[in-house]
Amino acid sequence: MNPTDYPPLSHVLAGVGFVFIIILAPCIAAWAL
């Protein structure tokens, strides 16, 4: 298991966070309103 076999953890977290925000932002906005 070489580290080069997987993308950097920071990139993974950034991707997950981006999707997380894209999906939940409308829901949070609708709930807040």
C-alpha atoms as a PDB file:
ATOM      1  CA  MET A   1       0.000   0.000   0.000  1.00  0.00           C
ATOM      2  CA  ASN A   2       2.000   2.952  -1.271  1.00  0.00           C
ATOM      3  CA  PRO A   3       0.759   6.492  -0.523  1.00  0.00           C
ATOM      4  CA  THR A   4       0.944   7.153  -4.270  1.00  0.00           C
ATOM      5  CA  ASP A   5      -1.838   4.626  -4.841  1.00  0.00           C
ATOM      6  CA  TYR A   6      -4.366   7.019  -3.367  1.00  0.00           C
ATOM      7  CA  PRO A   7      -5.048  10.746  -3.822  1.00  0.00           C
ATOM      8  CA  PRO A   8      -3.803  13.014  -1.026  1.00  0.00           C
ATOM      9  CA  LEU A   9      -6.038  13.032   2.040  1.00  0.00           C
ATOM     10  CA  SER A  10      -6.444  16.792   1.725  1.00  0.00           C
ATOM     11  CA  HIS A  11      -7.845  16.367  -1.781  1.00  0.00           C
ATOM     12  CA  VAL A  12     -10.233  13.672  -0.577  1.00  0.00           C
ATOM     13  CA  LEU A  13     -11.481  15.835   2.283  1.00  0.00           C
ATOM     14  CA  ALA A  14     -11.841  18.802  -0.046  1.00  0.00           C
ATOM     15  CA  GLY A  15     -13.905  16.737  -2.488  1.00  0.00           C
ATOM     16  CA  VAL A  16     -16.112  15.314   0.255  1.00  0.00           C
ATOM     17  CA  GLY A  17     -16.587  18.729   1.817  1.00  0.00           C
ATOM     18  CA  PHE A  18     -17.443  20.257  -1.551  1.00  0.00           C
ATOM     19  CA  VAL A  19     -20.115  17.642  -2.270  1.00  0.00           C
ATOM     20  CA  PHE A  20     -21.348  17.914   1.318  1.00  0.00           C
ATOM     21  CA  ILE A  21     -21.831  21.676   0.954  1.00  0.00           C
ATOM     22  CA  ILE A  22     -23.392  21.428  -2.528  1.00  0.00           C
ATOM     23  CA  ILE A  23     -25.970  18.906  -1.302  1.00  0.00           C
ATOM     24  CA  LEU A  24     -26.789  20.380   2.104  1.00  0.00           C
ATOM     25  CA  ALA A  25     -26.605  24.108   1.340  1.00  0.00           C
ATOM     26  CA  PRO A  26     -30.072  24.233  -0.301  1.00  0.00           C
ATOM     27  CA  CYS A  27     -31.554  22.136   2.522  1.00  0.00           C
ATOM     28  CA  ILE A  28     -30.046  24.348   5.225  1.00  0.00           C
ATOM     29  CA  ALA A  29     -31.118  27.492   3.390  1.00  0.00           C
ATOM     30  CA  ALA A  30     -34.686  26.210   3.007  1.00  0.00           C
ATOM     31  CA  TRP A  31     -34.791  25.209   6.682  1.00  0.00           C
ATOM     32  CA  ALA A  32     -33.382  28.573   7.794  1.00  0.00           C
ATOM     33  CA  LEU A  33     -35.986  30.406   5.745  1.00  0.00           C
END
